[in-house]
C-alpha atoms as a PDB file:
ATOM      1  CA  MET A   1      51.214 114.524 119.553  1.00  0.00           C
ATOM      2  CA  GLU A   2      53.597 111.600 119.673  1.00  0.00           C
ATOM      3  CA  SER A   3      52.844 108.878 122.185  1.00  0.00           C
ATOM      4  CA  MET A   4      55.431 107.802 124.767  1.00  0.00           C
ATOM      5  CA  ARG A   5      55.867 104.402 123.110  1.00  0.00           C
ATOM      6  CA  GLU A   6      56.690 105.929 119.704  1.00  0.00           C
ATOM      7  CA  SER A   7      59.137 108.367 121.300  1.00  0.00           C
ATOM      8  CA  TRP A   8      60.801 105.592 123.274  1.00  0.00           C
ATOM      9  CA  THR A   9      61.038 103.401 120.167  1.00  0.00           C
ATOM     10  CA  ASP A  10      62.592 106.193 118.101  1.00  0.00           C
ATOM     11  CA  GLU A  11      65.156 106.901 120.819  1.00  0.00           C
ATOM     12  CA  ARG A  12      66.004 103.205 121.096  1.00  0.00           C
ATOM     13  CA  LEU A  13      66.378 102.917 117.331  1.00  0.00           C
ATOM     14  CA  ASP A  14      68.696 105.934 117.297  1.00  0.00           C
ATOM     15  CA  ASP A  15      70.740 104.358 120.095  1.00  0.00           C
ATOM     16  CA  LEU A  16      70.913 101.067 118.191  1.00  0.00           C
ATOM     17  CA  SER A  17      71.957 102.891 115.039  1.00  0.00           C
ATOM     18  CA  ASP A  18      74.774 104.630 116.920  1.00  0.00           C
ATOM     19  CA  ARG A  19      75.953 101.329 118.405  1.00  0.00           C
ATOM     20  CA  VAL A  20      75.911  99.631 114.994  1.00  0.00           C
ATOM     21  CA  ASP A  21      77.874 102.518 113.469  1.00  0.00           C
ATOM     22  CA  GLU A  22      80.456 102.296 116.270  1.00  0.00           C
ATOM     23  CA  GLY A  23      80.732  98.553 115.720  1.00  0.00           C
ATOM     24  CA  PHE A  24      81.405  99.054 112.033  1.00  0.00           C
ATOM     25  CA  ARG A  25      84.055 101.689 112.854  1.00  0.00           C
ATOM     26  CA  ARG A  26      85.804  99.189 115.152  1.00  0.00           C
ATOM     27  CA  ILE A  27      85.622  96.440 112.542  1.00  0.00           C
ATOM     28  CA  ASP A  28      86.997  98.822 109.904  1.00  0.00           C
ATOM     29  CA  ALA A  29      89.926  99.708 112.192  1.00  0.00           C
ATOM     30  CA  ASP A  30      90.566  96.011 112.890  1.00  0.00           C
ATOM     31  CA  ILE A  31      90.581  95.188 109.178  1.00  0.00           C
ATOM     32  CA  ARG A  32      93.010  98.031 108.480  1.00  0.00           C
ATOM     33  CA  GLU A  33      95.314  96.721 111.218  1.00  0.00           C
ATOM     34  CA  LEU A  34      95.121  93.199 109.798  1.00  0.00           C
ATOM     35  CA  ARG A  35      95.985  94.503 106.327  1.00  0.00           C
ATOM     36  CA  THR A  36      99.054  96.232 107.751  1.00  0.00           C
ATOM     37  CA  GLN A  37     100.127  93.070 109.539  1.00  0.00           C
ATOM     38  CA  LEU A  38      99.521  90.977 106.422  1.00  0.00           C
ATOM     39  CA  ALA A  39     101.634  93.333 104.310  1.00  0.00           C
ATOM     40  CA  SER A  40     104.425  93.047 106.876  1.00  0.00           C
ATOM     41  CA  PHE A  41     104.138  89.248 106.836  1.00  0.00           C
ATOM     42  CA  GLN A  42     104.214  89.203 103.031  1.00  0.00           C
ATOM     43  CA  ARG A  43     107.428  91.257 102.977  1.00  0.00           C
ATOM     44  CA  ALA A  44     109.067  88.948 105.511  1.00  0.00           C
ATOM     45  CA  PHE A  45     107.927  85.870 103.576  1.00  0.00           C
ATOM     46  CA  MET A  46     109.301  87.265 100.312  1.00  0.00           C
ATOM     47  CA  GLN A  47     112.657  87.988 101.962  1.00  0.00           C
ATOM     48  CA  PHE A  48     112.760  84.477 103.410  1.00  0.00           C
ATOM     49  CA  SER A  49     111.799  82.926 100.060  1.00  0.00           C
ATOM     50  CA  GLY A  50     114.427  84.976  98.249  1.00  0.00           C
ATOM     51  CA  GLY A  51     117.062  83.795 100.704  1.00  0.00           C
ATOM     52  CA  MET A  52     115.990  80.179 100.225  1.00  0.00           C
ATOM     53  CA  ILE A  53     116.196  80.485  96.436  1.00  0.00           C
ATOM     54  CA  VAL A  54     119.662  82.029  96.607  1.00  0.00           C
ATOM     55  CA  THR A  55     120.773  79.271  98.983  1.00  0.00           C
ATOM     56  CA  PHE A  56     119.503  76.530  96.654  1.00  0.00           C
ATOM     57  CA  VAL A  57     121.098  78.124  93.593  1.00  0.00           C
ATOM     58  CA  VAL A  58     124.458  78.505  95.351  1.00  0.00           C
ATOM     59  CA  GLY A  59     124.199  74.952  96.702  1.00  0.00           C
ATOM     60  CA  PHE A  60     123.447  73.471  93.285  1.00  0.00           C
ATOM     61  CA  ALA A  61     126.218  75.544  91.724  1.00  0.00           C
ATOM     62  CA  GLY A  62     128.586  74.211  94.378  1.00  0.00           C
ATOM     63  CA  LEU A  63     127.548  70.646  93.595  1.00  0.00           C
ATOM     64  CA  ILE A  64     128.077  71.170  89.869  1.00  0.00           C
ATOM     65  CA  VAL A  65     131.499  72.739  90.414  1.00  0.00           C
ATOM     66  CA  ALA A  66     132.492  69.936  92.817  1.00  0.00           C
ATOM     67  CA  GLN A  67     131.639  67.333  90.126  1.00  0.00           C
ATOM     68  CA  LEU A  68     133.968  68.952  87.562  1.00  0.00           C
END
């Protein structure tokens, strides 16, 4: 027959295991949310960078044409 201390320890370990699993589920959800936000930021940054490149090219072209 199992002693009370062994039973209590097993129950506590099961509880700890459940809490650790829940913590990992929350961390996994947080990481997925961060990945979504990062992808959104990357798209916005690429659009901004593309606009800057176009602006520089048009500006330099304007300077070249103005010198002719």
